[in-house]
Amino acid sequence: MAGLPPRKRIEDVELLRALAHPLRSALLNHLTAVGPRTASECAEAVGSTASNCSWHLRQLAQYGLVERADAEDGRERPWRARQVGLDIGRFADDPARRAAQLGVVGASLGHEQELTQRYLDSLDDLDPAWLDASGLSTYTLRVTPEELTRLTDAIDALVRPYVGAIRPDVPANARPVHVSLRAFPRIEHSGMAEE
């Protein structure tokens, strides 16, 4: 992973709370996925209004997560993500920080569910090559904490060079693709961890 920018570690509770807002989470995710876009373009992508997106983009800019980019046509200047990944760190013992971290995760999971549903709703309209390339896989592993750390690090090393915002050699037929990984101990309905 040499040469790839690191994720931004978020430890500030106020910033975590700002990121827990579903629209801000969706805007940051969108800009990271597709590159610079105007507030109007963002509004169309995330299902909001241009003025609402503009306000939330300014809020994200105050935290240094987005910035204005140069306009190609001299009119409305687009916004771009300044980060290529966020890391909220280990869940904190401090209740306020943990609540803010859980808010960020909740917004992210909600957005991820929405993206998945939109994909499923558009199956009839997708190119067969994209249908063949897509995948929804789940696995139940039996690993130690050390093995899980090595596995998630290896997956990150494999996937990170393809992150659109930092990929220098994007092929002409490439398009943004959503990839997610959840890796945690399996907790059964009873609330007990499987051994």
N, C-alpha and C. Protein backbone atom coordinates (compact mmCIF):
# COMPACT_ATOMS: atom_id res chain seq x y z
N MET A 1 0.81 -1.19 0.00
CA MET A 1 0.00 0.00 0.00
C MET A 1 0.86 1.25 0.00
N ALA A 2 2.12 1.13 -0.30
CA ALA A 2 3.01 2.27 -0.32
C ALA A 2 2.49 3.31 -1.29
N GLY A 3 2.55 4.57 -0.87
CA GLY A 3 2.13 5.65 -1.74
C GLY A 3 0.66 6.00 -1.65
N LEU A 4 -0.15 5.20 -0.99
CA LEU A 4 -1.57 5.50 -0.86
C LEU A 4 -1.80 6.35 0.39
N PRO A 5 -2.63 7.39 0.28
CA PRO A 5 -2.87 8.22 1.47
C PRO A 5 -3.61 7.43 2.54
N PRO A 6 -3.30 7.71 3.79
CA PRO A 6 -3.98 6.98 4.89
C PRO A 6 -5.40 7.49 5.09
N ARG A 7 -6.17 6.69 5.80
CA ARG A 7 -7.50 7.15 6.21
C ARG A 7 -7.31 8.22 7.28
N LYS A 8 -8.29 9.11 7.36
CA LYS A 8 -8.25 10.13 8.41
C LYS A 8 -8.87 9.55 9.66
N ARG A 9 -8.11 9.55 10.74
CA ARG A 9 -8.62 9.07 12.04
C ARG A 9 -9.47 10.18 12.64
N ILE A 10 -10.71 9.86 12.98
CA ILE A 10 -11.64 10.82 13.57
C ILE A 10 -11.77 10.51 15.05
N GLU A 11 -11.32 11.43 15.87
CA GLU A 11 -11.42 11.24 17.31
C GLU A 11 -12.25 12.33 17.98
N ASP A 12 -12.43 13.46 17.29
CA ASP A 12 -13.18 14.58 17.81
C ASP A 12 -14.68 14.23 17.86
N VAL A 13 -15.27 14.34 19.04
CA VAL A 13 -16.67 13.97 19.23
C VAL A 13 -17.59 14.84 18.38
N GLU A 14 -17.31 16.12 18.28
CA GLU A 14 -18.16 17.01 17.48
C GLU A 14 -18.12 16.62 16.00
N LEU A 15 -16.95 16.25 15.51
CA LEU A 15 -16.85 15.81 14.12
C LEU A 15 -17.58 14.49 13.92
N LEU A 16 -17.46 13.59 14.87
CA LEU A 16 -18.20 12.33 14.79
C LEU A 16 -19.70 12.60 14.73
N ARG A 17 -20.17 13.52 15.56
CA ARG A 17 -21.60 13.86 15.55
C ARG A 17 -22.01 14.46 14.21
N ALA A 18 -21.14 15.28 13.64
CA ALA A 18 -21.45 15.88 12.33
C ALA A 18 -21.55 14.80 11.27
N LEU A 19 -20.70 13.81 11.35
CA LEU A 19 -20.70 12.72 10.36
C LEU A 19 -21.85 11.74 10.57
N ALA A 20 -22.46 11.78 11.73
CA ALA A 20 -23.59 10.89 12.00
C ALA A 20 -24.86 11.36 11.28
N HIS A 21 -24.83 12.55 10.73
CA HIS A 21 -25.99 13.05 9.98
C HIS A 21 -26.08 12.28 8.67
N PRO A 22 -27.22 11.64 8.38
CA PRO A 22 -27.32 10.79 7.18
C PRO A 22 -26.99 11.50 5.87
N LEU A 23 -27.42 12.76 5.71
CA LEU A 23 -27.14 13.47 4.46
C LEU A 23 -25.65 13.78 4.34
N ARG A 24 -25.01 14.17 5.42
CA ARG A 24 -23.58 14.46 5.36
C ARG A 24 -22.80 13.18 5.04
N SER A 25 -23.21 12.09 5.65
CA SER A 25 -22.57 10.81 5.36
C SER A 25 -22.73 10.46 3.89
N ALA A 26 -23.94 10.63 3.35
CA ALA A 26 -24.20 10.32 1.94
C ALA A 26 -23.41 11.24 1.02
N LEU A 27 -23.34 12.52 1.36
CA LEU A 27 -22.58 13.47 0.52
C LEU A 27 -21.10 13.13 0.49
N LEU A 28 -20.53 12.85 1.65
CA LEU A 28 -19.11 12.51 1.70
C LEU A 28 -18.84 11.21 0.95
N ASN A 29 -19.71 10.24 1.13
CA ASN A 29 -19.58 8.97 0.42
C ASN A 29 -19.66 9.19 -1.09
N HIS A 30 -20.60 10.02 -1.53
CA HIS A 30 -20.77 10.28 -2.96
C HIS A 30 -19.54 10.96 -3.55
N LEU A 31 -19.03 11.99 -2.89
CA LEU A 31 -17.86 12.70 -3.41
C LEU A 31 -16.63 11.80 -3.43
N THR A 32 -16.50 10.94 -2.45
CA THR A 32 -15.38 10.00 -2.44
C THR A 32 -15.51 9.01 -3.58
N ALA A 33 -16.74 8.60 -3.89
CA ALA A 33 -16.97 7.60 -4.93
C ALA A 33 -16.81 8.14 -6.34
N VAL A 34 -17.29 9.36 -6.59
CA VAL A 34 -17.36 9.84 -7.97
C VAL A 34 -16.48 11.03 -8.27
N GLY A 35 -15.87 11.63 -7.26
CA GLY A 35 -15.03 12.78 -7.51
C GLY A 35 -15.80 14.08 -7.41
N PRO A 36 -15.17 15.18 -7.80
CA PRO A 36 -15.77 16.51 -7.64
C PRO A 36 -17.14 16.62 -8.30
N ARG A 37 -18.09 17.22 -7.56
CA ARG A 37 -19.44 17.44 -8.06
C ARG A 37 -19.97 18.73 -7.45
N THR A 38 -20.87 19.39 -8.18
CA THR A 38 -21.51 20.59 -7.66
C THR A 38 -22.58 20.18 -6.64
N ALA A 39 -23.06 21.16 -5.89
CA ALA A 39 -24.13 20.89 -4.94
C ALA A 39 -25.38 20.39 -5.66
N SER A 40 -25.64 20.91 -6.85
CA SER A 40 -26.80 20.46 -7.64
C SER A 40 -26.64 19.00 -8.06
N GLU A 41 -25.45 18.64 -8.50
CA GLU A 41 -25.19 17.24 -8.89
C GLU A 41 -25.28 16.32 -7.68
N CYS A 42 -24.78 16.78 -6.54
CA CYS A 42 -24.88 15.99 -5.31
C CYS A 42 -26.34 15.80 -4.92
N ALA A 43 -27.13 16.87 -5.04
CA ALA A 43 -28.54 16.80 -4.66
C ALA A 43 -29.27 15.73 -5.46
N GLU A 44 -29.00 15.68 -6.75
CA GLU A 44 -29.64 14.67 -7.59
C GLU A 44 -29.22 13.26 -7.17
N ALA A 45 -27.96 13.11 -6.82
CA ALA A 45 -27.43 11.79 -6.46
C ALA A 45 -27.93 11.29 -5.11
N VAL A 46 -28.11 12.21 -4.16
CA VAL A 46 -28.48 11.78 -2.79
C VAL A 46 -29.94 12.04 -2.45
N GLY A 47 -30.70 12.58 -3.41
CA GLY A 47 -32.13 12.78 -3.17
C GLY A 47 -32.45 13.92 -2.24
N SER A 48 -31.79 15.06 -2.44
CA SER A 48 -32.05 16.23 -1.61
C SER A 48 -32.13 17.46 -2.52
N THR A 49 -32.12 18.63 -1.92
CA THR A 49 -32.13 19.86 -2.71
C THR A 49 -30.72 20.41 -2.79
N ALA A 50 -30.48 21.23 -3.80
CA ALA A 50 -29.15 21.83 -3.97
C ALA A 50 -28.81 22.74 -2.79
N SER A 51 -29.79 23.50 -2.31
CA SER A 51 -29.51 24.41 -1.18
C SER A 51 -29.20 23.63 0.09
N ASN A 52 -29.93 22.56 0.33
CA ASN A 52 -29.67 21.72 1.51
C ASN A 52 -28.29 21.08 1.41
N CYS A 53 -27.96 20.54 0.24
CA CYS A 53 -26.64 19.93 0.05
C CYS A 53 -25.53 20.97 0.21
N SER A 54 -25.74 22.15 -0.34
CA SER A 54 -24.75 23.21 -0.23
C SER A 54 -24.47 23.55 1.24
N TRP A 55 -25.53 23.64 2.04
CA TRP A 55 -25.36 23.95 3.45
C TRP A 55 -24.56 22.84 4.16
N HIS A 56 -24.92 21.59 3.90
CA HIS A 56 -24.22 20.48 4.56
C HIS A 56 -22.79 20.33 4.04
N LEU A 57 -22.56 20.63 2.78
CA LEU A 57 -21.19 20.60 2.26
C LEU A 57 -20.33 21.67 2.94
N ARG A 58 -20.91 22.83 3.18
CA ARG A 58 -20.16 23.87 3.92
C ARG A 58 -19.84 23.40 5.34
N GLN A 59 -20.77 22.67 5.96
CA GLN A 59 -20.50 22.13 7.29
C GLN A 59 -19.34 21.13 7.24
N LEU A 60 -19.36 20.25 6.24
CA LEU A 60 -18.26 19.29 6.09
C LEU A 60 -16.94 20.01 5.80
N ALA A 61 -17.00 21.12 5.08
CA ALA A 61 -15.78 21.89 4.78
C ALA A 61 -15.20 22.50 6.05
N GLN A 62 -16.06 22.92 6.99
CA GLN A 62 -15.56 23.48 8.24
C GLN A 62 -14.73 22.45 9.02
N TYR A 63 -15.02 21.18 8.82
CA TYR A 63 -14.27 20.11 9.49
C TYR A 63 -13.11 19.61 8.62
N GLY A 64 -12.91 20.21 7.46
CA GLY A 64 -11.80 19.84 6.60
C GLY A 64 -11.99 18.54 5.83
N LEU A 65 -13.25 18.09 5.69
CA LEU A 65 -13.50 16.83 4.99
C LEU A 65 -13.78 17.02 3.51
N VAL A 66 -14.26 18.21 3.13
CA VAL A 66 -14.47 18.53 1.72
C VAL A 66 -13.90 19.92 1.47
N GLU A 67 -13.70 20.23 0.19
CA GLU A 67 -13.22 21.56 -0.18
C GLU A 67 -13.72 21.88 -1.58
N ARG A 68 -13.66 23.14 -1.91
CA ARG A 68 -14.04 23.56 -3.25
C ARG A 68 -12.95 23.15 -4.23
N ALA A 69 -13.38 22.71 -5.40
CA ALA A 69 -12.44 22.35 -6.47
C ALA A 69 -12.55 23.41 -7.56
N ASP A 70 -11.60 23.44 -8.45
CA ASP A 70 -11.65 24.39 -9.56
C ASP A 70 -12.81 24.03 -10.49
N ALA A 71 -13.52 25.04 -10.93
CA ALA A 71 -14.63 24.83 -11.86
C ALA A 71 -14.09 24.73 -13.28
N GLU A 72 -14.60 23.76 -14.03
CA GLU A 72 -14.17 23.59 -15.42
C GLU A 72 -14.81 24.61 -16.33
N ASP A 73 -16.04 25.04 -16.01
CA ASP A 73 -16.75 25.95 -16.90
C ASP A 73 -16.84 27.36 -16.35
N GLY A 74 -16.26 27.62 -15.20
CA GLY A 74 -16.27 28.96 -14.63
C GLY A 74 -17.53 29.32 -13.89
N ARG A 75 -18.53 28.44 -13.87
CA ARG A 75 -19.77 28.76 -13.17
C ARG A 75 -19.68 28.19 -11.76
N GLU A 76 -20.64 27.36 -11.39
CA GLU A 76 -20.68 26.81 -10.04
C GLU A 76 -19.46 25.94 -9.79
N ARG A 77 -18.78 26.21 -8.69
CA ARG A 77 -17.58 25.43 -8.36
C ARG A 77 -17.97 24.13 -7.66
N PRO A 78 -17.41 23.03 -8.11
CA PRO A 78 -17.73 21.75 -7.47
C PRO A 78 -17.03 21.59 -6.13
N TRP A 79 -17.51 20.62 -5.40
CA TRP A 79 -16.91 20.21 -4.13
C TRP A 79 -16.17 18.90 -4.35
N ARG A 80 -15.15 18.66 -3.56
CA ARG A 80 -14.44 17.38 -3.61
C ARG A 80 -14.09 16.95 -2.19
N ALA A 81 -14.01 15.63 -2.03
CA ALA A 81 -13.61 15.07 -0.74
C ALA A 81 -12.12 15.29 -0.53
N ARG A 82 -11.74 15.62 0.67
CA ARG A 82 -10.32 15.79 0.98
C ARG A 82 -9.72 14.50 1.53
N GLN A 83 -10.58 13.56 1.92
CA GLN A 83 -10.12 12.31 2.51
C GLN A 83 -10.51 11.16 1.60
N VAL A 84 -9.78 10.08 1.68
CA VAL A 84 -10.11 8.88 0.89
C VAL A 84 -10.46 7.72 1.79
N GLY A 85 -10.93 8.04 2.95
CA GLY A 85 -11.35 7.03 3.91
C GLY A 85 -11.30 7.60 5.31
N LEU A 86 -12.23 7.18 6.12
CA LEU A 86 -12.28 7.63 7.51
C LEU A 86 -12.14 6.43 8.43
N ASP A 87 -11.56 6.66 9.58
CA ASP A 87 -11.37 5.63 10.58
C ASP A 87 -11.85 6.20 11.91
N ILE A 88 -12.91 5.61 12.46
CA ILE A 88 -13.43 6.13 13.73
C ILE A 88 -12.73 5.51 14.93
N GLY A 89 -11.78 4.61 14.67
CA GLY A 89 -11.02 4.01 15.75
C GLY A 89 -11.79 2.96 16.52
N ARG A 90 -11.16 2.46 17.54
CA ARG A 90 -11.78 1.46 18.42
C ARG A 90 -12.93 2.12 19.15
N PHE A 91 -14.02 1.39 19.36
CA PHE A 91 -15.14 1.96 20.08
C PHE A 91 -14.68 2.37 21.48
N ALA A 92 -14.98 3.60 21.82
CA ALA A 92 -14.48 4.23 23.04
C ALA A 92 -15.22 3.76 24.28
N ASP A 93 -14.54 3.86 25.40
CA ASP A 93 -15.17 3.60 26.69
C ASP A 93 -16.02 4.80 27.13
N ASP A 94 -15.60 6.00 26.71
CA ASP A 94 -16.32 7.22 27.04
C ASP A 94 -17.70 7.19 26.38
N PRO A 95 -18.78 7.30 27.16
CA PRO A 95 -20.13 7.18 26.60
C PRO A 95 -20.45 8.20 25.50
N ALA A 96 -20.01 9.43 25.64
CA ALA A 96 -20.31 10.45 24.62
C ALA A 96 -19.62 10.12 23.30
N ARG A 97 -18.36 9.72 23.39
CA ARG A 97 -17.63 9.39 22.16
C ARG A 97 -18.20 8.12 21.53
N ARG A 98 -18.50 7.12 22.35
CA ARG A 98 -19.07 5.88 21.81
C ARG A 98 -20.41 6.16 21.13
N ALA A 99 -21.26 6.98 21.73
CA ALA A 99 -22.55 7.31 21.12
C ALA A 99 -22.34 8.00 19.77
N ALA A 100 -21.36 8.89 19.70
CA ALA A 100 -21.07 9.58 18.43
C ALA A 100 -20.53 8.59 17.39
N GLN A 101 -19.67 7.67 17.82
CA GLN A 101 -19.15 6.65 16.91
C GLN A 101 -20.29 5.77 16.39
N LEU A 102 -21.19 5.38 17.27
CA LEU A 102 -22.31 4.55 16.86
C LEU A 102 -23.23 5.31 15.90
N GLY A 103 -23.35 6.62 16.09
CA GLY A 103 -24.13 7.43 15.16
C GLY A 103 -23.53 7.41 13.76
N VAL A 104 -22.20 7.50 13.67
CA VAL A 104 -21.52 7.45 12.37
C VAL A 104 -21.74 6.08 11.72
N VAL A 105 -21.58 5.02 12.50
CA VAL A 105 -21.79 3.68 11.97
C VAL A 105 -23.24 3.50 11.52
N GLY A 106 -24.18 4.00 12.30
CA GLY A 106 -25.59 3.89 11.92
C GLY A 106 -25.89 4.61 10.61
N ALA A 107 -25.35 5.81 10.44
CA ALA A 107 -25.56 6.55 9.19
C ALA A 107 -24.93 5.80 8.02
N SER A 108 -23.76 5.26 8.25
CA SER A 108 -23.07 4.52 7.20
C SER A 108 -23.82 3.26 6.81
N LEU A 109 -24.30 2.52 7.80
CA LEU A 109 -25.06 1.30 7.51
C LEU A 109 -26.38 1.62 6.81
N GLY A 110 -27.03 2.70 7.20
CA GLY A 110 -28.26 3.11 6.54
C GLY A 110 -28.01 3.44 5.07
N HIS A 111 -26.93 4.16 4.81
CA HIS A 111 -26.58 4.50 3.44
C HIS A 111 -26.21 3.25 2.64
N GLU A 112 -25.49 2.35 3.28
CA GLU A 112 -25.11 1.11 2.61
C GLU A 112 -26.34 0.26 2.27
N GLN A 113 -27.30 0.21 3.15
CA GLN A 113 -28.54 -0.52 2.88
C GLN A 113 -29.29 0.11 1.71
N GLU A 114 -29.31 1.44 1.67
CA GLU A 114 -29.99 2.15 0.58
C GLU A 114 -29.30 1.85 -0.76
N LEU A 115 -27.96 1.88 -0.78
CA LEU A 115 -27.23 1.56 -2.01
C LEU A 115 -27.51 0.13 -2.47
N THR A 116 -27.54 -0.80 -1.52
CA THR A 116 -27.81 -2.19 -1.86
C THR A 116 -29.21 -2.34 -2.44
N GLN A 117 -30.18 -1.68 -1.83
CA GLN A 117 -31.56 -1.78 -2.32
C GLN A 117 -31.69 -1.17 -3.71
N ARG A 118 -31.01 -0.04 -3.95
CA ARG A 118 -31.05 0.58 -5.28
C ARG A 118 -30.45 -0.36 -6.32
N TYR A 119 -29.37 -1.04 -5.96
CA TYR A 119 -28.76 -2.01 -6.87
C TYR A 119 -29.77 -3.12 -7.19
N LEU A 120 -30.39 -3.68 -6.17
CA LEU A 120 -31.35 -4.76 -6.38
C LEU A 120 -32.55 -4.30 -7.21
N ASP A 121 -32.97 -3.06 -7.00
CA ASP A 121 -34.10 -2.52 -7.76
C ASP A 121 -33.76 -2.28 -9.23
N SER A 122 -32.48 -2.17 -9.55
CA SER A 122 -32.08 -1.85 -10.93
C SER A 122 -31.54 -3.06 -11.69
N LEU A 123 -31.71 -4.26 -11.17
CA LEU A 123 -31.15 -5.45 -11.82
C LEU A 123 -31.57 -5.58 -13.28
N ASP A 124 -32.82 -5.26 -13.59
CA ASP A 124 -33.31 -5.41 -14.96
C ASP A 124 -32.66 -4.42 -15.93
N ASP A 125 -32.11 -3.34 -15.40
CA ASP A 125 -31.54 -2.30 -16.25
C ASP A 125 -30.02 -2.36 -16.39
N LEU A 126 -29.37 -3.22 -15.63
CA LEU A 126 -27.91 -3.28 -15.64
C LEU A 126 -27.38 -4.12 -16.79
N ASP A 127 -26.23 -3.70 -17.28
CA ASP A 127 -25.51 -4.44 -18.30
C ASP A 127 -25.18 -5.83 -17.74
N PRO A 128 -25.38 -6.90 -18.52
CA PRO A 128 -25.08 -8.25 -18.04
C PRO A 128 -23.64 -8.41 -17.52
N ALA A 129 -22.71 -7.70 -18.10
CA ALA A 129 -21.32 -7.80 -17.63
C ALA A 129 -21.21 -7.31 -16.18
N TRP A 130 -21.96 -6.24 -15.83
CA TRP A 130 -21.95 -5.75 -14.45
C TRP A 130 -22.70 -6.71 -13.53
N LEU A 131 -23.75 -7.33 -14.03
CA LEU A 131 -24.45 -8.33 -13.22
C LEU A 131 -23.54 -9.51 -12.90
N ASP A 132 -22.78 -9.95 -13.90
CA ASP A 132 -21.86 -11.08 -13.70
C ASP A 132 -20.72 -10.70 -12.74
N ALA A 133 -20.29 -9.46 -12.79
CA ALA A 133 -19.16 -9.03 -11.96
C ALA A 133 -19.57 -8.73 -10.52
N SER A 134 -20.84 -8.42 -10.31
CA SER A 134 -21.31 -8.06 -8.97
C SER A 134 -21.38 -9.28 -8.08
N GLY A 135 -21.33 -9.04 -6.79
CA GLY A 135 -21.44 -10.16 -5.86
C GLY A 135 -21.96 -9.72 -4.51
N LEU A 136 -22.75 -10.56 -3.92
CA LEU A 136 -23.23 -10.37 -2.55
C LEU A 136 -22.87 -11.66 -1.81
N SER A 137 -21.76 -11.63 -1.11
CA SER A 137 -21.27 -12.84 -0.45
C SER A 137 -21.17 -12.64 1.04
N THR A 138 -21.44 -13.68 1.77
CA THR A 138 -21.21 -13.67 3.22
C THR A 138 -20.43 -14.92 3.58
N TYR A 139 -19.67 -14.81 4.63
CA TYR A 139 -18.84 -15.92 5.10
C TYR A 139 -18.90 -15.94 6.61
N THR A 140 -18.84 -17.11 7.18
CA THR A 140 -18.65 -17.23 8.61
C THR A 140 -17.29 -17.90 8.80
N LEU A 141 -16.37 -17.15 9.38
CA LEU A 141 -15.00 -17.61 9.56
C LEU A 141 -14.80 -18.08 10.99
N ARG A 142 -13.76 -18.84 11.20
CA ARG A 142 -13.34 -19.21 12.54
C ARG A 142 -11.89 -18.79 12.66
N VAL A 143 -11.67 -17.63 13.30
CA VAL A 143 -10.34 -17.03 13.35
C VAL A 143 -10.06 -16.46 14.74
N THR A 144 -8.80 -16.16 14.97
CA THR A 144 -8.39 -15.47 16.19
C THR A 144 -8.44 -13.97 15.93
N PRO A 145 -8.39 -13.14 16.98
CA PRO A 145 -8.34 -11.68 16.75
C PRO A 145 -7.15 -11.28 15.87
N GLU A 146 -6.01 -11.92 16.08
CA GLU A 146 -4.82 -11.60 15.28
C GLU A 146 -5.02 -11.97 13.81
N GLU A 147 -5.64 -13.12 13.57
CA GLU A 147 -5.91 -13.53 12.18
C GLU A 147 -6.91 -12.59 11.52
N LEU A 148 -7.93 -12.17 12.26
CA LEU A 148 -8.91 -11.26 11.70
C LEU A 148 -8.27 -9.92 11.36
N THR A 149 -7.38 -9.44 12.21
CA THR A 149 -6.66 -8.20 11.92
C THR A 149 -5.84 -8.35 10.64
N ARG A 150 -5.11 -9.45 10.51
CA ARG A 150 -4.30 -9.67 9.30
C ARG A 150 -5.21 -9.77 8.06
N LEU A 151 -6.35 -10.44 8.20
CA LEU A 151 -7.26 -10.60 7.08
C LEU A 151 -7.83 -9.26 6.62
N THR A 152 -8.32 -8.45 7.56
CA THR A 152 -8.90 -7.16 7.17
C THR A 152 -7.82 -6.23 6.60
N ASP A 153 -6.60 -6.29 7.15
CA ASP A 153 -5.50 -5.50 6.58
C ASP A 153 -5.17 -5.95 5.17
N ALA A 154 -5.18 -7.26 4.92
CA ALA A 154 -4.86 -7.79 3.59
C ALA A 154 -5.95 -7.40 2.58
N ILE A 155 -7.21 -7.45 3.01
CA ILE A 155 -8.30 -7.05 2.12
C ILE A 155 -8.19 -5.56 1.80
N ASP A 156 -7.88 -4.76 2.81
CA ASP A 156 -7.70 -3.33 2.59
C ASP A 156 -6.57 -3.08 1.59
N ALA A 157 -5.47 -3.79 1.74
CA ALA A 157 -4.34 -3.63 0.82
C ALA A 157 -4.73 -4.02 -0.60
N LEU A 158 -5.58 -4.98 -0.74
CA LEU A 158 -6.03 -5.42 -2.06
C LEU A 158 -7.01 -4.43 -2.69
N VAL A 159 -7.92 -3.87 -1.90
CA VAL A 159 -8.97 -3.02 -2.42
C VAL A 159 -8.55 -1.55 -2.56
N ARG A 160 -7.78 -1.05 -1.63
CA ARG A 160 -7.48 0.39 -1.55
C ARG A 160 -6.90 0.99 -2.84
N PRO A 161 -6.05 0.30 -3.59
CA PRO A 161 -5.53 0.91 -4.82
C PRO A 161 -6.61 1.21 -5.87
N TYR A 162 -7.79 0.64 -5.71
CA TYR A 162 -8.88 0.88 -6.65
C TYR A 162 -9.81 2.01 -6.23
N VAL A 163 -9.57 2.62 -5.06
CA VAL A 163 -10.41 3.71 -4.59
C VAL A 163 -10.36 4.83 -5.63
N GLY A 164 -11.54 5.17 -6.15
CA GLY A 164 -11.62 6.10 -7.27
C GLY A 164 -10.92 7.43 -7.06
N ALA A 165 -11.00 7.96 -5.85
CA ALA A 165 -10.43 9.28 -5.59
C ALA A 165 -8.90 9.29 -5.66
N ILE A 166 -8.27 8.14 -5.55
CA ILE A 166 -6.81 8.11 -5.56
C ILE A 166 -6.23 7.22 -6.66
N ARG A 167 -7.10 6.63 -7.48
CA ARG A 167 -6.62 5.76 -8.54
C ARG A 167 -6.18 6.59 -9.74
N PRO A 168 -4.91 6.52 -10.11
CA PRO A 168 -4.43 7.36 -11.21
C PRO A 168 -4.72 6.78 -12.60
N ASP A 169 -4.91 5.49 -12.71
CA ASP A 169 -5.02 4.83 -14.02
C ASP A 169 -6.41 4.25 -14.26
N VAL A 170 -7.44 5.08 -14.11
CA VAL A 170 -8.82 4.61 -14.23
C VAL A 170 -9.14 4.30 -15.70
N PRO A 171 -9.50 3.05 -16.01
CA PRO A 171 -9.89 2.72 -17.38
C PRO A 171 -11.15 3.48 -17.82
N ALA A 172 -11.28 3.69 -19.10
CA ALA A 172 -12.41 4.47 -19.64
C ALA A 172 -13.75 3.85 -19.30
N ASN A 173 -13.85 2.53 -19.22
CA ASN A 173 -15.14 1.88 -18.95
C ASN A 173 -15.38 1.59 -17.47
N ALA A 174 -14.55 2.16 -16.60
CA ALA A 174 -14.72 1.96 -15.15
C ALA A 174 -15.86 2.82 -14.64
N ARG A 175 -16.52 2.32 -13.60
CA ARG A 175 -17.56 3.10 -12.96
C ARG A 175 -17.48 2.89 -11.46
N PRO A 176 -18.04 3.80 -10.66
CA PRO A 176 -18.00 3.62 -9.21
C PRO A 176 -18.72 2.33 -8.79
N VAL A 177 -18.10 1.59 -7.92
CA VAL A 177 -18.64 0.34 -7.40
C VAL A 177 -18.57 0.40 -5.87
N HIS A 178 -19.65 0.00 -5.23
CA HIS A 178 -19.68 -0.01 -3.77
C HIS A 178 -19.16 -1.35 -3.26
N VAL A 179 -18.15 -1.31 -2.40
CA VAL A 179 -17.61 -2.52 -1.77
C VAL A 179 -17.60 -2.27 -0.27
N SER A 180 -18.06 -3.23 0.49
CA SER A 180 -18.03 -3.08 1.95
C SER A 180 -17.56 -4.39 2.57
N LEU A 181 -17.04 -4.27 3.76
CA LEU A 181 -16.60 -5.43 4.52
C LEU A 181 -17.01 -5.21 5.97
N ARG A 182 -17.67 -6.18 6.52
CA ARG A 182 -18.00 -6.17 7.94
C ARG A 182 -17.33 -7.39 8.54
N ALA A 183 -16.57 -7.18 9.57
CA ALA A 183 -15.87 -8.30 10.21
C ALA A 183 -15.93 -8.10 11.72
N PHE A 184 -16.68 -8.95 12.38
CA PHE A 184 -16.85 -8.84 13.83
C PHE A 184 -17.28 -10.19 14.38
N PRO A 185 -17.10 -10.38 15.69
CA PRO A 185 -17.53 -11.65 16.29
C PRO A 185 -19.03 -11.84 16.10
N ARG A 186 -19.41 -13.04 15.80
CA ARG A 186 -20.82 -13.36 15.56
C ARG A 186 -21.54 -13.45 16.91
N ILE A 187 -22.58 -12.63 17.05
CA ILE A 187 -23.39 -12.61 18.27
C ILE A 187 -24.75 -13.20 17.91
N GLU A 188 -25.16 -14.22 18.60
CA GLU A 188 -26.42 -14.90 18.30
C GLU A 188 -27.60 -14.11 18.85
N HIS A 189 -28.80 -14.51 18.46
CA HIS A 189 -30.02 -13.85 18.87
C HIS A 189 -30.12 -13.75 20.38
N SER A 190 -29.59 -14.71 21.08
CA SER A 190 -29.63 -14.72 22.55
C SER A 190 -28.73 -13.65 23.15
N GLY A 191 -27.89 -13.02 22.33
CA GLY A 191 -26.94 -12.04 22.83
C GLY A 191 -25.60 -12.63 23.21
N MET A 192 -25.47 -13.92 23.04
CA MET A 192 -24.24 -14.59 23.39
C MET A 192 -23.32 -14.70 22.18
N ALA A 193 -22.05 -14.58 22.43
CA ALA A 193 -21.06 -14.79 21.38
C ALA A 193 -20.83 -16.28 21.22
N GLU A 194 -20.80 -16.72 19.96
CA GLU A 194 -20.50 -18.13 19.69
C GLU A 194 -19.05 -18.41 20.05
N GLU A 195 -18.80 -19.56 20.55
CA GLU A 195 -17.41 -19.96 20.89
C GLU A 195 -16.94 -20.98 19.89
